[in-house]
C-alpha atoms as a PDB file:
ATOM      1  CA  MET A   1      91.927-146.008 -73.561  1.00  0.00           C
ATOM      2  CA  VAL A   2      88.749-143.963 -73.768  1.00  0.00           C
ATOM      3  CA  PRO A   3      86.022-143.146 -76.316  1.00  0.00           C
ATOM      4  CA  LEU A   4      86.769-140.246 -78.662  1.00  0.00           C
ATOM      5  CA  ASN A   5      83.731-138.295 -77.410  1.00  0.00           C
ATOM      6  CA  THR A   6      85.450-137.836 -74.012  1.00  0.00           C
ATOM      7  CA  ILE A   7      88.516-136.050 -75.433  1.00  0.00           C
ATOM      8  CA  GLY A   8      88.741-132.282 -75.034  1.00  0.00           C
ATOM      9  CA  SER A   9      89.355-129.681 -77.730  1.00  0.00           C
ATOM     10  CA  GLY A  10      92.976-129.289 -78.810  1.00  0.00           C
ATOM     11  CA  GLU A  11      94.101-132.767 -77.770  1.00  0.00           C
ATOM     12  CA  ILE A  12      95.819-135.285 -80.055  1.00  0.00           C
ATOM     13  CA  VAL A  13      94.987-138.976 -79.750  1.00  0.00           C
ATOM     14  CA  TYR A  14      95.443-142.184 -81.733  1.00  0.00           C
ATOM     15  CA  ILE A  15      92.885-144.823 -82.677  1.00  0.00           C
ATOM     16  CA  LYS A  16      93.074-148.082 -80.751  1.00  0.00           C
ATOM     17  CA  SER A  17      89.879-149.741 -82.011  1.00  0.00           C
ATOM     18  CA  LEU A  18      86.593-149.179 -83.815  1.00  0.00           C
ATOM     19  CA  ASN A  19      83.433-150.602 -82.249  1.00  0.00           C
ATOM     20  CA  GLY A  20      80.236-150.968 -84.216  1.00  0.00           C
ATOM     21  CA  GLY A  21      78.714-152.727 -87.161  1.00  0.00           C
ATOM     22  CA  LYS A  22      80.367-153.472 -90.476  1.00  0.00           C
ATOM     23  CA  LYS A  23      78.790-150.457 -92.193  1.00  0.00           C
ATOM     24  CA  PHE A  24      79.970-148.050 -89.495  1.00  0.00           C
ATOM     25  CA  ILE A  25      83.502-149.450 -89.483  1.00  0.00           C
ATOM     26  CA  GLN A  26      83.699-149.354 -93.286  1.00  0.00           C
ATOM     27  CA  ARG A  27      82.390-145.767 -93.437  1.00  0.00           C
ATOM     28  CA  VAL A  28      84.774-144.336 -90.854  1.00  0.00           C
ATOM     29  CA  SER A  29      87.683-146.356 -92.273  1.00  0.00           C
ATOM     30  CA  ASP A  30      86.985-144.813 -95.673  1.00  0.00           C
ATOM     31  CA  LEU A  31      87.224-141.381 -93.984  1.00  0.00           C
ATOM     32  CA  GLY A  32      90.690-142.214 -92.609  1.00  0.00           C
ATOM     33  CA  PHE A  33      89.814-143.539 -89.161  1.00  0.00           C
ATOM     34  CA  THR A  34      92.190-146.503 -89.114  1.00  0.00           C
ATOM     35  CA  ILE A  35      94.088-148.175 -86.279  1.00  0.00           C
ATOM     36  CA  ASP A  36      96.902-145.924 -84.967  1.00  0.00           C
ATOM     37  CA  ALA A  37      95.755-142.966 -87.100  1.00  0.00           C
ATOM     38  CA  GLU A  38      96.365-139.599 -85.440  1.00  0.00           C
ATOM     39  CA  ILE A  39      93.275-137.555 -84.568  1.00  0.00           C
ATOM     40  CA  ARG A  40      93.354-133.906 -83.511  1.00  0.00           C
ATOM     41  CA  VAL A  41      90.193-132.798 -81.737  1.00  0.00           C
ATOM     42  CA  VAL A  42      89.299-129.349 -83.066  1.00  0.00           C
ATOM     43  CA  GLU A  43      86.114-128.813 -81.070  1.00  0.00           C
ATOM     44  CA  ASN A  44      84.207-130.855 -78.533  1.00  0.00           C
ATOM     45  CA  SER A  45      81.465-129.155 -76.541  1.00  0.00           C
ATOM     46  CA  PHE A  46      80.469-132.536 -74.996  1.00  0.00           C
ATOM     47  CA  CYS A  47      76.821-131.921 -75.939  1.00  0.00           C
ATOM     48  CA  GLY A  48      76.831-132.020 -79.732  1.00  0.00           C
ATOM     49  CA  PRO A  49      78.975-132.917 -82.713  1.00  0.00           C
ATOM     50  CA  ILE A  50      82.718-133.326 -82.296  1.00  0.00           C
ATOM     51  CA  MET A  51      84.995-131.828 -84.959  1.00  0.00           C
ATOM     52  CA  VAL A  52      88.268-133.627 -85.633  1.00  0.00           C
ATOM     53  CA  VAL A  53      91.114-133.609 -88.123  1.00  0.00           C
ATOM     54  CA  VAL A  54      92.232-136.980 -89.396  1.00  0.00           C
ATOM     55  CA  LYS A  55      94.672-137.376 -92.289  1.00  0.00           C
ATOM     56  CA  GLU A  56      94.400-133.650 -93.124  1.00  0.00           C
ATOM     57  CA  SER A  57      90.584-133.770 -93.412  1.00  0.00           C
ATOM     58  CA  LYS A  58      88.238-131.971 -91.021  1.00  0.00           C
ATOM     59  CA  ILE A  59      85.352-134.257 -90.120  1.00  0.00           C
ATOM     60  CA  GLY A  60      82.306-133.880 -87.883  1.00  0.00           C
ATOM     61  CA  LEU A  61      81.025-136.848 -85.901  1.00  0.00           C
ATOM     62  CA  GLY A  62      77.934-137.224 -83.783  1.00  0.00           C
ATOM     63  CA  PRO A  63      78.477-138.113 -80.123  1.00  0.00           C
ATOM     64  CA  GLY A  64      77.202-141.652 -80.692  1.00  0.00           C
ATOM     65  CA  GLU A  65      79.626-142.214 -83.549  1.00  0.00           C
ATOM     66  CA  ALA A  66      82.522-140.743 -81.588  1.00  0.00           C
ATOM     67  CA  SER A  67      81.738-143.027 -78.641  1.00  0.00           C
ATOM     68  CA  LYS A  68      82.438-146.063 -80.856  1.00  0.00           C
ATOM     69  CA  ILE A  69      85.980-144.885 -81.649  1.00  0.00           C
ATOM     70  CA  ILE A  70      88.361-145.924 -78.861  1.00  0.00           C
ATOM     71  CA  VAL A  71      91.521-143.827 -78.606  1.00  0.00           C
ATOM     72  CA  TYR A  72      94.721-143.509 -76.577  1.00  0.00           C
ATOM     73  CA  GLN A  73      97.363-140.828 -75.998  1.00  0.00           C
ATOM     74  CA  LYS A  74     101.073-141.394 -76.590  1.00  0.00           C
END
């Protein structure tokens, strides 16, 4: 299990846990980031925002936000 911000472009991962405060967890949960949800990394340059697709929505996350989302590969 690794933070989302370490996953390369084109990879598919699944959410294991969300780390952070209640507001952060509620916000990303509302966007579809729930336990075992599939995430496809569209673009990750490792020095800026990371673009992902979750539940058919394209979403941009800052590196700090992405580091709080712990993922795994099946």
